[in-house]
Amino acid sequence: MFWPDGEEVTRRSAKPLCAGSNPAPASVVLIFLMTKKFFFAEFLISLVSYFIQVLLTLRIVLKLTGAGASAPFVLWVYNTTYPLISPFVGVFPSPQVDMFIIEFSSIFALVVYSVSAQFLIALLSSLEKLLSSENKKQ
């Protein structure tokens, strides 16, 4: 990206705007705004992904340790995470020994959601690079 006088734009070469000077080109402002939006979108995806991972990990640990569903916190975790694992219920069997349950569907859901979030972040990052390289060419 270049300033109107042909000098390349970097963080160190940012020129102050004074009276009578040309304002920054629209492409510089556009790239800055797009970068902020991409960064914010990546942040939101990461935040939601981490929240889902924590909830699913809690579910797996609570099921594995045989936590009673009569406790309000355990019941909340089970009710909150059921919509997340419902597409994966029945994919794998859930072996049970006494009151201990290994929910492979929850483990599979945890892996799928983690990989999906990383894929979305990588897609946004490559899209950001593609758009910024196209604007550099112009």
Protein backbone atom coordinates (compact mmCIF):
# COMPACT_ATOMS: atom_id res chain seq x y z
CA MET A 1 0.00 0.00 0.00
CA PHE A 2 1.38 3.39 -0.90
CA TRP A 3 0.80 7.02 0.05
CA PRO A 4 -0.17 9.42 -2.74
CA ASP A 5 3.48 10.50 -3.11
CA GLY A 6 4.57 6.90 -3.80
CA GLU A 7 6.11 6.09 -0.40
CA GLU A 8 5.16 2.68 0.99
CA VAL A 9 2.83 2.75 4.00
CA THR A 10 4.15 1.06 7.12
CA ARG A 11 3.41 1.63 10.77
CA ARG A 12 6.70 3.48 11.19
CA SER A 13 6.26 5.64 8.13
CA ALA A 14 2.78 6.85 9.02
CA LYS A 15 2.60 10.51 8.14
CA PRO A 16 0.75 12.92 10.39
CA LEU A 17 -2.10 14.74 8.76
CA CYS A 18 -1.55 18.49 8.90
CA ALA A 19 -3.38 21.40 7.40
CA GLY A 20 -3.13 21.32 3.65
CA SER A 21 -1.83 17.72 3.42
CA ASN A 22 -3.60 15.00 1.51
CA PRO A 23 -5.61 12.65 3.71
CA ALA A 24 -4.79 8.93 3.77
CA PRO A 25 -6.02 7.08 0.70
CA ALA A 26 -9.38 5.38 1.03
CA SER A 27 -7.76 1.98 0.52
CA VAL A 28 -5.60 2.45 3.64
CA VAL A 29 -8.65 3.27 5.72
CA LEU A 30 -10.59 0.39 4.17
CA ILE A 31 -7.83 -2.12 4.90
CA PHE A 32 -7.55 -0.85 8.47
CA LEU A 33 -11.29 -1.27 9.02
CA MET A 34 -11.32 -4.71 7.37
CA THR A 35 -8.38 -5.84 9.50
CA LYS A 36 -10.16 -4.74 12.66
CA LYS A 37 -13.30 -6.60 11.56
CA PHE A 38 -11.35 -9.76 10.74
CA PHE A 39 -9.51 -9.56 14.05
CA PHE A 40 -12.81 -9.09 15.92
CA ALA A 41 -14.42 -11.99 14.04
CA GLU A 42 -11.44 -14.24 14.83
CA PHE A 43 -11.65 -13.16 18.47
CA LEU A 44 -15.38 -13.98 18.64
CA ILE A 45 -14.89 -17.37 17.01
CA SER A 46 -12.10 -18.18 19.47
CA LEU A 47 -14.13 -17.00 22.44
CA VAL A 48 -17.20 -19.05 21.51
CA SER A 49 -15.01 -22.05 20.71
CA TYR A 50 -13.26 -21.89 24.09
CA PHE A 51 -16.59 -21.59 25.89
CA ILE A 52 -17.95 -24.65 24.05
CA GLN A 53 -14.75 -26.58 24.77
CA VAL A 54 -14.94 -25.79 28.48
CA LEU A 55 -18.59 -26.84 28.68
CA LEU A 56 -18.03 -30.07 26.76
CA THR A 57 -14.96 -30.90 28.83
CA LEU A 58 -17.00 -30.35 31.99
CA ARG A 59 -19.68 -32.68 30.64
CA ILE A 60 -17.12 -35.37 29.79
CA VAL A 61 -15.50 -35.15 33.24
CA LEU A 62 -18.83 -35.12 35.07
CA LYS A 63 -20.10 -38.15 33.13
CA LEU A 64 -16.79 -39.94 33.58
CA THR A 65 -16.78 -39.40 37.33
CA GLY A 66 -20.44 -40.34 37.71
CA ALA A 67 -21.64 -36.99 39.02
CA GLY A 68 -25.28 -37.07 40.11
CA ALA A 69 -27.69 -35.24 37.84
CA SER A 70 -29.66 -34.09 40.88
CA ALA A 71 -27.07 -31.39 41.64
CA PRO A 72 -28.12 -28.06 40.07
CA PHE A 73 -24.70 -27.33 38.52
CA VAL A 74 -24.41 -30.80 36.97
CA LEU A 75 -27.96 -30.58 35.65
CA TRP A 76 -27.19 -27.14 34.17
CA VAL A 77 -24.07 -28.47 32.44
CA TYR A 78 -25.98 -31.46 31.01
CA ASN A 79 -28.89 -29.32 29.81
CA THR A 80 -26.62 -26.65 28.33
CA THR A 81 -24.40 -29.06 26.45
CA TYR A 82 -27.07 -31.45 25.16
CA PRO A 83 -27.93 -29.27 22.13
CA LEU A 84 -24.21 -29.21 21.29
CA ILE A 85 -23.82 -32.98 21.35
CA SER A 86 -27.25 -33.95 20.01
CA PRO A 87 -26.05 -34.19 16.36
CA PHE A 88 -23.41 -36.69 17.49
CA VAL A 89 -25.49 -38.86 19.84
CA GLY A 90 -25.57 -42.41 18.56
CA VAL A 91 -22.49 -42.08 16.37
CA PHE A 92 -20.44 -44.00 18.94
CA PRO A 93 -21.59 -46.21 21.79
CA SER A 94 -21.27 -44.87 25.32
CA PRO A 95 -19.93 -47.67 27.51
CA GLN A 96 -21.06 -47.62 31.11
CA VAL A 97 -19.47 -49.26 34.14
CA ASP A 98 -21.66 -48.86 37.19
CA MET A 99 -22.38 -45.11 37.24
CA PHE A 100 -19.34 -44.08 35.19
CA ILE A 101 -20.08 -43.26 31.55
CA ILE A 102 -17.60 -42.63 28.76
CA GLU A 103 -19.47 -40.46 26.26
CA PHE A 104 -17.58 -40.83 23.02
CA SER A 105 -20.17 -38.65 21.31
CA SER A 106 -19.18 -35.75 23.60
CA ILE A 107 -15.48 -36.35 22.90
CA PHE A 108 -16.20 -36.45 19.16
CA ALA A 109 -18.27 -33.24 19.41
CA LEU A 110 -15.38 -31.56 21.26
CA VAL A 111 -12.97 -32.51 18.47
CA VAL A 112 -15.38 -31.45 15.70
CA TYR A 113 -16.09 -28.05 17.26
CA SER A 114 -12.40 -27.40 17.93
CA VAL A 115 -11.35 -28.29 14.38
CA SER A 116 -14.24 -26.28 12.92
CA ALA A 117 -13.24 -23.19 14.88
CA GLN A 118 -9.61 -23.50 13.78
CA PHE A 119 -10.74 -23.95 10.18
CA LEU A 120 -12.90 -20.81 10.35
CA ILE A 121 -10.06 -18.79 11.85
CA ALA A 122 -7.65 -20.02 9.15
CA LEU A 123 -10.24 -19.19 6.46
CA LEU A 124 -10.69 -15.66 7.81
CA SER A 125 -6.94 -15.18 8.04
CA SER A 126 -6.38 -16.28 4.45
CA LEU A 127 -9.30 -14.12 3.27
CA GLU A 128 -7.79 -11.14 5.06
CA LYS A 129 -4.41 -11.74 3.41
CA LEU A 130 -6.04 -12.16 0.02
CA LEU A 131 -7.99 -8.91 0.31
CA SER A 132 -4.99 -6.97 1.58
CA SER A 133 -2.78 -8.29 -1.25
CA GLU A 134 -5.42 -7.32 -3.82
CA ASN A 135 -5.54 -3.80 -2.39
CA LYS A 136 -1.74 -3.58 -2.49
CA LYS A 137 -1.82 -4.34 -6.22
CA GLN A 138 -4.22 -1.46 -6.85
